[in-house]
PDB file of N, CA and C in Angstrom:
ATOM      1  N   MET A   1      23.629  10.135 -58.505  1.00  0.00           N
ATOM      2  CA  MET A   1      23.090   9.268 -57.475  1.00  0.00           C
ATOM      3  C   MET A   1      21.601   9.563 -57.266  1.00  0.00           C
ATOM      4  N   GLU A   2      20.842   8.537 -56.966  1.00  0.00           N
ATOM      5  CA  GLU A   2      19.431   8.752 -56.672  1.00  0.00           C
ATOM      6  C   GLU A   2      19.298   9.321 -55.267  1.00  0.00           C
ATOM      7  N   ASN A   3      18.184   9.955 -54.994  1.00  0.00           N
ATOM      8  CA  ASN A   3      17.963  10.509 -53.667  1.00  0.00           C
ATOM      9  C   ASN A   3      17.665   9.377 -52.703  1.00  0.00           C
ATOM     10  N   GLN A   4      18.436   9.316 -51.649  1.00  0.00           N
ATOM     11  CA  GLN A   4      18.250   8.304 -50.623  1.00  0.00           C
ATOM     12  C   GLN A   4      18.281   8.992 -49.278  1.00  0.00           C
ATOM     13  N   ALA A   5      17.373   8.640 -48.408  1.00  0.00           N
ATOM     14  CA  ALA A   5      17.348   9.231 -47.078  1.00  0.00           C
ATOM     15  C   ALA A   5      18.668   8.976 -46.374  1.00  0.00           C
ATOM     16  N   ALA A   6      19.153   9.961 -45.665  1.00  0.00           N
ATOM     17  CA  ALA A   6      20.443   9.837 -44.975  1.00  0.00           C
ATOM     18  C   ALA A   6      20.386   8.867 -43.806  1.00  0.00           C
ATOM     19  N   ASP A   7      19.179   8.550 -43.342  1.00  0.00           N
ATOM     20  CA  ASP A   7      19.053   7.686 -42.171  1.00  0.00           C
ATOM     21  C   ASP A   7      18.744   6.232 -42.525  1.00  0.00           C
ATOM     22  N   MET A   8      18.994   5.838 -43.777  1.00  0.00           N
ATOM     23  CA  MET A   8      18.790   4.440 -44.186  1.00  0.00           C
ATOM     24  C   MET A   8      19.731   4.112 -45.336  1.00  0.00           C
ATOM     25  N   HIS A   9      19.870   2.800 -45.598  1.00  0.00           N
ATOM     26  CA  HIS A   9      20.649   2.350 -46.751  1.00  0.00           C
ATOM     27  C   HIS A   9      20.183   0.954 -47.126  1.00  0.00           C
ATOM     28  N   PHE A  10      20.663   0.441 -48.253  1.00  0.00           N
ATOM     29  CA  PHE A  10      20.380  -0.920 -48.672  1.00  0.00           C
ATOM     30  C   PHE A  10      21.641  -1.753 -48.486  1.00  0.00           C
ATOM     31  N   TYR A  11      21.443  -3.002 -48.083  1.00  0.00           N
ATOM     32  CA  TYR A  11      22.538  -3.947 -47.833  1.00  0.00           C
ATOM     33  C   TYR A  11      22.246  -5.194 -48.659  1.00  0.00           C
ATOM     34  N   ALA A  12      23.215  -5.652 -49.421  1.00  0.00           N
ATOM     35  CA  ALA A  12      23.074  -6.868 -50.221  1.00  0.00           C
ATOM     36  C   ALA A  12      24.175  -7.843 -49.820  1.00  0.00           C
ATOM     37  N   SER A  13      23.818  -9.134 -49.769  1.00  0.00           N
ATOM     38  CA  SER A  13      24.833 -10.126 -49.419  1.00  0.00           C
ATOM     39  C   SER A  13      24.584 -11.440 -50.136  1.00  0.00           C
ATOM     40  N   SER A  14      25.700 -12.039 -50.573  1.00  0.00           N
ATOM     41  CA  SER A  14      25.691 -13.384 -51.140  1.00  0.00           C
ATOM     42  C   SER A  14      26.620 -14.219 -50.260  1.00  0.00           C
ATOM     43  N   ILE A  15      26.871 -15.452 -50.669  1.00  0.00           N
ATOM     44  CA  ILE A  15      27.790 -16.265 -49.875  1.00  0.00           C
ATOM     45  C   ILE A  15      29.228 -15.797 -50.016  1.00  0.00           C
ATOM     46  N   PHE A  16      29.512 -14.948 -51.017  1.00  0.00           N
ATOM     47  CA  PHE A  16      30.875 -14.477 -51.248  1.00  0.00           C
ATOM     48  C   PHE A  16      31.101 -13.000 -50.956  1.00  0.00           C
ATOM     49  N   THR A  17      30.078 -12.184 -51.134  1.00  0.00           N
ATOM     50  CA  THR A  17      30.248 -10.734 -51.108  1.00  0.00           C
ATOM     51  C   THR A  17      29.134 -10.054 -50.334  1.00  0.00           C
ATOM     52  N   TRP A  18      29.450  -8.913 -49.769  1.00  0.00           N
ATOM     53  CA  TRP A  18      28.416  -8.024 -49.254  1.00  0.00           C
ATOM     54  C   TRP A  18      28.771  -6.602 -49.680  1.00  0.00           C
ATOM     55  N   ALA A  19      27.758  -5.760 -49.808  1.00  0.00           N
ATOM     56  CA  ALA A  19      27.966  -4.358 -50.182  1.00  0.00           C
ATOM     57  C   ALA A  19      26.737  -3.574 -49.751  1.00  0.00           C
ATOM     58  N   THR A  20      26.900  -2.257 -49.648  1.00  0.00           N
ATOM     59  CA  THR A  20      25.799  -1.377 -49.274  1.00  0.00           C
ATOM     60  C   THR A  20      25.709  -0.206 -50.244  1.00  0.00           C
ATOM     61  N   THR A  21      24.559   0.462 -50.202  1.00  0.00           N
ATOM     62  CA  THR A  21      24.481   1.760 -50.846  1.00  0.00           C
ATOM     63  C   THR A  21      25.225   2.732 -49.941  1.00  0.00           C
ATOM     64  N   SER A  22      25.635   3.849 -50.521  1.00  0.00           N
ATOM     65  CA  SER A  22      26.385   4.850 -49.762  1.00  0.00           C
ATOM     66  C   SER A  22      26.231   6.196 -50.444  1.00  0.00           C
ATOM     67  N   ASP A  23      27.014   7.164 -50.015  1.00  0.00           N
ATOM     68  CA  ASP A  23      26.972   8.466 -50.691  1.00  0.00           C
ATOM     69  C   ASP A  23      27.619   8.388 -52.075  1.00  0.00           C
ATOM     70  N   ARG A  24      28.292   7.284 -52.377  1.00  0.00           N
ATOM     71  CA  ARG A  24      28.945   7.103 -53.689  1.00  0.00           C
ATOM     72  C   ARG A  24      28.367   5.947 -54.505  1.00  0.00           C
ATOM     73  N   ARG A  25      27.467   5.152 -53.924  1.00  0.00           N
ATOM     74  CA  ARG A  25      26.877   4.012 -54.646  1.00  0.00           C
ATOM     75  C   ARG A  25      25.378   4.015 -54.401  1.00  0.00           C
ATOM     76  N   ASP A  26      24.588   4.208 -55.452  1.00  0.00           N
ATOM     77  CA  ASP A  26      23.140   4.180 -55.296  1.00  0.00           C
ATOM     78  C   ASP A  26      22.633   2.741 -55.445  1.00  0.00           C
ATOM     79  N   LEU A  27      21.327   2.567 -55.310  1.00  0.00           N
ATOM     80  CA  LEU A  27      20.750   1.220 -55.364  1.00  0.00           C
ATOM     81  C   LEU A  27      20.994   0.560 -56.717  1.00  0.00           C
ATOM     82  N   ARG A  28      20.866   1.304 -57.779  1.00  0.00           N
ATOM     83  CA  ARG A  28      21.100   0.724 -59.112  1.00  0.00           C
ATOM     84  C   ARG A  28      22.528   0.179 -59.231  1.00  0.00           C
ATOM     85  N   ALA A  29      23.502   0.948 -58.743  1.00  0.00           N
ATOM     86  CA  ALA A  29      24.903   0.511 -58.801  1.00  0.00           C
ATOM     87  C   ALA A  29      25.127  -0.707 -57.895  1.00  0.00           C
ATOM     88  N   LEU A  30      24.467  -0.739 -56.750  1.00  0.00           N
ATOM     89  CA  LEU A  30      24.593  -1.884 -55.840  1.00  0.00           C
ATOM     90  C   LEU A  30      24.080  -3.157 -56.510  1.00  0.00           C
ATOM     91  N   LEU A  31      22.917  -3.078 -57.126  1.00  0.00           N
ATOM     92  CA  LEU A  31      22.360  -4.255 -57.795  1.00  0.00           C
ATOM     93  C   LEU A  31      23.242  -4.713 -58.953  1.00  0.00           C
ATOM     94  N   LYS A  32      23.770  -3.769 -59.705  1.00  0.00           N
ATOM     95  CA  LYS A  32      24.673  -4.113 -60.811  1.00  0.00           C
ATOM     96  C   LYS A  32      25.920  -4.815 -60.297  1.00  0.00           C
ATOM     97  N   LEU A  33      26.475  -4.303 -59.199  1.00  0.00           N
ATOM     98  CA  LEU A  33      27.653  -4.924 -58.573  1.00  0.00           C
ATOM     99  C   LEU A  33      27.359  -6.364 -58.165  1.00  0.00           C
ATOM    100  N   MET A  34      26.227  -6.585 -57.513  1.00  0.00           N
ATOM    101  CA  MET A  34      25.895  -7.929 -57.046  1.00  0.00           C
ATOM    102  C   MET A  34      25.569  -8.862 -58.219  1.00  0.00           C
ATOM    103  N   ASP A  35      24.910  -8.352 -59.246  1.00  0.00           N
ATOM    104  CA  ASP A  35      24.572  -9.180 -60.414  1.00  0.00           C
ATOM    105  C   ASP A  35      25.810  -9.698 -61.136  1.00  0.00           C
ATOM    106  N   LYS A  36      26.913  -8.964 -61.058  1.00  0.00           N
ATOM    107  CA  LYS A  36      28.147  -9.386 -61.734  1.00  0.00           C
ATOM    108  C   LYS A  36      28.652 -10.730 -61.222  1.00  0.00           C
ATOM    109  N   GLU A  37      28.352 -11.079 -59.973  1.00  0.00           N
ATOM    110  CA  GLU A  37      28.799 -12.366 -59.418  1.00  0.00           C
ATOM    111  C   GLU A  37      28.096 -13.556 -60.048  1.00  0.00           C
ATOM    112  N   LYS A  38      26.904 -13.308 -60.572  1.00  0.00           N
ATOM    113  CA  LYS A  38      26.092 -14.365 -61.190  1.00  0.00           C
ATOM    114  C   LYS A  38      25.667 -15.450 -60.192  1.00  0.00           C
ATOM    115  N   ILE A  39      25.542 -15.053 -58.922  1.00  0.00           N
ATOM    116  CA  ILE A  39      24.975 -15.957 -57.906  1.00  0.00           C
ATOM    117  C   ILE A  39      23.903 -15.188 -57.151  1.00  0.00           C
ATOM    118  N   GLY A  40      23.027 -15.917 -56.499  1.00  0.00           N
ATOM    119  CA  GLY A  40      21.929 -15.301 -55.774  1.00  0.00           C
ATOM    120  C   GLY A  40      22.388 -14.472 -54.588  1.00  0.00           C
ATOM    121  N   TYR A  41      21.580 -13.488 -54.255  1.00  0.00           N
ATOM    122  CA  TYR A  41      21.872 -12.629 -53.102  1.00  0.00           C
ATOM    123  C   TYR A  41      20.579 -12.103 -52.489  1.00  0.00           C
ATOM    124  N   ASN A  42      20.662 -11.742 -51.215  1.00  0.00           N
ATOM    125  CA  ASN A  42      19.557 -11.140 -50.489  1.00  0.00           C
ATOM    126  C   ASN A  42      19.740  -9.633 -50.446  1.00  0.00           C
ATOM    127  N   LEU A  43      18.626  -8.920 -50.455  1.00  0.00           N
ATOM    128  CA  LEU A  43      18.654  -7.463 -50.372  1.00  0.00           C
ATOM    129  C   LEU A  43      17.824  -7.021 -49.176  1.00  0.00           C
ATOM    130  N   TRP A  44      18.396  -6.121 -48.393  1.00  0.00           N
ATOM    131  CA  TRP A  44      17.755  -5.587 -47.183  1.00  0.00           C
ATOM    132  C   TRP A  44      17.703  -4.075 -47.231  1.00  0.00           C
ATOM    133  N   MET A  45      16.652  -3.478 -46.639  1.00  0.00           N
ATOM    134  CA  MET A  45      16.600  -2.054 -46.357  1.00  0.00           C
ATOM    135  C   MET A  45      16.936  -1.939 -44.869  1.00  0.00           C
ATOM    136  N   VAL A  46      17.947  -1.142 -44.561  1.00  0.00           N
ATOM    137  CA  VAL A  46      18.441  -1.023 -43.194  1.00  0.00           C
ATOM    138  C   VAL A  46      18.207   0.421 -42.728  1.00  0.00           C
ATOM    139  N   PRO A  47      17.419   0.608 -41.645  1.00  0.00           N
ATOM    140  CA  PRO A  47      17.024   1.953 -41.228  1.00  0.00           C
ATOM    141  C   PRO A  47      18.055   2.692 -40.369  1.00  0.00           C
ATOM    142  N   VAL A  48      19.304   2.649 -40.771  1.00  0.00           N
ATOM    143  CA  VAL A  48      20.376   3.430 -40.141  1.00  0.00           C
ATOM    144  C   VAL A  48      21.284   3.928 -41.265  1.00  0.00           C
ATOM    145  N   PRO A  49      22.078   4.975 -41.041  1.00  0.00           N
ATOM    146  CA  PRO A  49      22.994   5.457 -42.079  1.00  0.00           C
ATOM    147  C   PRO A  49      23.960   4.363 -42.542  1.00  0.00           C
ATOM    148  N   PHE A  50      24.430   4.469 -43.779  1.00  0.00           N
ATOM    149  CA  PHE A  50      25.308   3.434 -44.335  1.00  0.00           C
ATOM    150  C   PHE A  50      26.595   3.267 -43.540  1.00  0.00           C
ATOM    151  N   ASN A  51      27.036   4.295 -42.861  1.00  0.00           N
ATOM    152  CA  ASN A  51      28.291   4.209 -42.106  1.00  0.00           C
ATOM    153  C   ASN A  51      28.090   3.877 -40.630  1.00  0.00           C
ATOM    154  N   ALA A  52      26.870   3.496 -40.254  1.00  0.00           N
ATOM    155  CA  ALA A  52      26.608   3.069 -38.874  1.00  0.00           C
ATOM    156  C   ALA A  52      27.193   1.672 -38.670  1.00  0.00           C
ATOM    157  N   GLY A  53      27.667   1.398 -37.501  1.00  0.00           N
ATOM    158  CA  GLY A  53      28.163   0.058 -37.195  1.00  0.00           C
ATOM    159  C   GLY A  53      27.029  -0.840 -36.718  1.00  0.00           C
ATOM    160  N   TYR A  54      27.001  -2.067 -37.209  1.00  0.00           N
ATOM    161  CA  TYR A  54      26.016  -3.045 -36.735  1.00  0.00           C
ATOM    162  C   TYR A  54      26.524  -4.446 -37.059  1.00  0.00           C
ATOM    163  N   GLU A  55      25.950  -5.429 -36.372  1.00  0.00           N
ATOM    164  CA  GLU A  55      26.353  -6.830 -36.584  1.00  0.00           C
ATOM    165  C   GLU A  55      25.656  -7.424 -37.793  1.00  0.00           C
ATOM    166  N   ILE A  56      26.322  -8.396 -38.397  1.00  0.00           N
ATOM    167  CA  ILE A  56      25.749  -9.221 -39.459  1.00  0.00           C
ATOM    168  C   ILE A  56      25.788 -10.660 -38.950  1.00  0.00           C
ATOM    169  N   LYS A  57      24.648 -11.335 -38.957  1.00  0.00           N
ATOM    170  CA  LYS A  57      24.584 -12.748 -38.575  1.00  0.00           C
ATOM    171  C   LYS A  57      23.857 -13.505 -39.677  1.00  0.00           C
ATOM    172  N   MET A  58      24.461 -14.586 -40.113  1.00  0.00           N
ATOM    173  CA  MET A  58      23.881 -15.416 -41.175  1.00  0.00           C
ATOM    174  C   MET A  58      23.495 -14.552 -42.379  1.00  0.00           C
ATOM    175  N   PHE A  59      24.402 -13.659 -42.771  1.00  0.00           N
ATOM    176  CA  PHE A  59      24.262 -12.806 -43.951  1.00  0.00           C
ATOM    177  C   PHE A  59      23.179 -11.733 -43.812  1.00  0.00           C
ATOM    178  N   ALA A  60      22.648 -11.516 -42.609  1.00  0.00           N
ATOM    179  CA  ALA A  60      21.561 -10.560 -42.406  1.00  0.00           C
ATOM    180  C   ALA A  60      21.963  -9.469 -41.413  1.00  0.00           C
ATOM    181  N   PRO A  61      21.565  -8.220 -41.671  1.00  0.00           N
ATOM    182  CA  PRO A  61      21.881  -7.133 -40.744  1.00  0.00           C
ATOM    183  C   PRO A  61      21.078  -7.289 -39.453  1.00  0.00           C
ATOM    184  N   GLN A  62      21.730  -7.082 -38.341  1.00  0.00           N
ATOM    185  CA  GLN A  62      21.080  -7.194 -37.035  1.00  0.00           C
ATOM    186  C   GLN A  62      20.740  -5.780 -36.541  1.00  0.00           C
ATOM    187  N   VAL A  63      19.712  -5.202 -37.168  1.00  0.00           N
ATOM    188  CA  VAL A  63      19.267  -3.853 -36.865  1.00  0.00           C
ATOM    189  C   VAL A  63      17.747  -3.893 -36.700  1.00  0.00           C
ATOM    190  N   GLU A  64      17.250  -3.339 -35.602  1.00  0.00           N
ATOM    191  CA  GLU A  64      15.812  -3.274 -35.407  1.00  0.00           C
ATOM    192  C   GLU A  64      15.178  -2.495 -36.550  1.00  0.00           C
ATOM    193  N   GLY A  65      14.146  -3.063 -37.151  1.00  0.00           N
ATOM    194  CA  GLY A  65      13.451  -2.407 -38.250  1.00  0.00           C
ATOM    195  C   GLY A  65      13.989  -2.728 -39.633  1.00  0.00           C
ATOM    196  N   ALA A  66      15.071  -3.517 -39.720  1.00  0.00           N
ATOM    197  CA  ALA A  66      15.599  -3.901 -41.036  1.00  0.00           C
ATOM    198  C   ALA A  66      14.534  -4.724 -41.767  1.00  0.00           C
ATOM    199  N   LYS A  67      14.361  -4.464 -43.051  1.00  0.00           N
ATOM    200  CA  LYS A  67      13.349  -5.155 -43.861  1.00  0.00           C
ATOM    201  C   LYS A  67      14.020  -5.941 -44.974  1.00  0.00           C
ATOM    202  N   TRP A  68      13.689  -7.232 -45.035  1.00  0.00           N
ATOM    203  CA  TRP A  68      14.186  -8.070 -46.119  1.00  0.00           C
ATOM    204  C   TRP A  68      13.370  -7.751 -47.365  1.00  0.00           C
ATOM    205  N   ILE A  69      14.035  -7.344 -48.436  1.00  0.00           N
ATOM    206  CA  ILE A  69      13.358  -7.000 -49.688  1.00  0.00           C
ATOM    207  C   ILE A  69      13.117  -8.244 -50.531  1.00  0.00           C
ATOM    208  N   GLY A  70      14.115  -9.136 -50.573  1.00  0.00           N
ATOM    209  CA  GLY A  70      13.939 -10.360 -51.339  1.00  0.00           C
ATOM    210  C   GLY A  70      15.256 -11.002 -51.717  1.00  0.00           C
ATOM    211  N   PHE A  71      15.132 -12.144 -52.395  1.00  0.00           N
ATOM    212  CA  PHE A  71      16.269 -12.910 -52.880  1.00  0.00           C
ATOM    213  C   PHE A  71      16.293 -12.772 -54.395  1.00  0.00           C
ATOM    214  N   PHE A  72      17.438 -12.391 -54.940  1.00  0.00           N
ATOM    215  CA  PHE A  72      17.582 -12.136 -56.363  1.00  0.00           C
ATOM    216  C   PHE A  72      18.568 -13.138 -56.969  1.00  0.00           C
ATOM    217  N   GLU A  73      18.196 -13.680 -58.122  1.00  0.00           N
ATOM    218  CA  GLU A  73      19.044 -14.620 -58.838  1.00  0.00           C
ATOM    219  C   GLU A  73      19.364 -14.043 -60.210  1.00  0.00           C
ATOM    220  N   PRO A  74      20.551 -13.481 -60.386  1.00  0.00           N
ATOM    221  CA  PRO A  74      20.924 -12.895 -61.676  1.00  0.00           C
ATOM    222  C   PRO A  74      20.797 -13.905 -62.813  1.00  0.00           C
ATOM    223  N   GLY A  75      20.251 -13.448 -63.912  1.00  0.00           N
ATOM    224  CA  GLY A  75      20.132 -14.310 -65.089  1.00  0.00           C
ATOM    225  C   GLY A  75      18.889 -15.177 -65.105  1.00  0.00           C
ATOM    226  N   LYS A  76      18.156 -15.226 -64.006  1.00  0.00           N
ATOM    227  CA  LYS A  76      16.915 -16.018 -63.971  1.00  0.00           C
ATOM    228  C   LYS A  76      15.768 -15.155 -64.463  1.00  0.00           C
ATOM    229  N   SER A  77      14.972 -15.703 -65.336  1.00  0.00           N
ATOM    230  CA  SER A  77      13.818 -14.983 -65.874  1.00  0.00           C
ATOM    231  C   SER A  77      12.672 -15.026 -64.874  1.00  0.00           C
ATOM    232  N   ALA A  78      11.953 -13.940 -64.783  1.00  0.00           N
ATOM    233  CA  ALA A  78      10.778 -13.892 -63.906  1.00  0.00           C
ATOM    234  C   ALA A  78       9.580 -14.593 -64.553  1.00  0.00           C
ATOM    235  N   LYS A  79       9.669 -14.901 -65.846  1.00  0.00           N
ATOM    236  CA  LYS A  79       8.560 -15.559 -66.545  1.00  0.00           C
ATOM    237  C   LYS A  79       8.493 -17.029 -66.161  1.00  0.00           C
ATOM    238  N   ALA A  80       7.278 -17.535 -66.103  1.00  0.00           N
ATOM    239  CA  ALA A  80       7.094 -18.965 -65.835  1.00  0.00           C
ATOM    240  C   ALA A  80       7.578 -19.759 -67.038  1.00  0.00           C
ATOM    241  N   LYS A  81       8.283 -20.825 -66.768  1.00  0.00           N
ATOM    242  CA  LYS A  81       8.790 -21.647 -67.866  1.00  0.00           C
ATOM    243  C   LYS A  81       7.678 -22.589 -68.342  1.00  0.00           C
ATOM    244  N   LYS A  82       7.569 -22.695 -69.651  1.00  0.00           N
ATOM    245  CA  LYS A  82       6.578 -23.608 -70.223  1.00  0.00           C
ATOM    246  C   LYS A  82       7.216 -24.960 -70.387  1.00  0.00           C
ATOM    247  N   GLY A  83       6.498 -25.996 -70.016  1.00  0.00           N
ATOM    248  CA  GLY A  83       7.078 -27.322 -70.081  1.00  0.00           C
ATOM    249  C   GLY A  83       6.438 -28.234 -70.954  1.00  0.00           C
TER     250      GLY A  83
END
């Protein structure tokens, strides 16, 4: 597992699934898990331990200081398409 601060975790959510990093799942494993769905998902950095309780509204963690990292689309190339 990669070193992750004990007072934060990453949260990923799609329209079908949500998952977090934990003491058993690092960020790389979380991204791999979400990419398997082959649908887009949002990634958040949440400044509380992974086992802290908090609300989720509209697929987003309701925690003060949570940072949206971005929206990821598995299988989409980051290169500009030539037309």
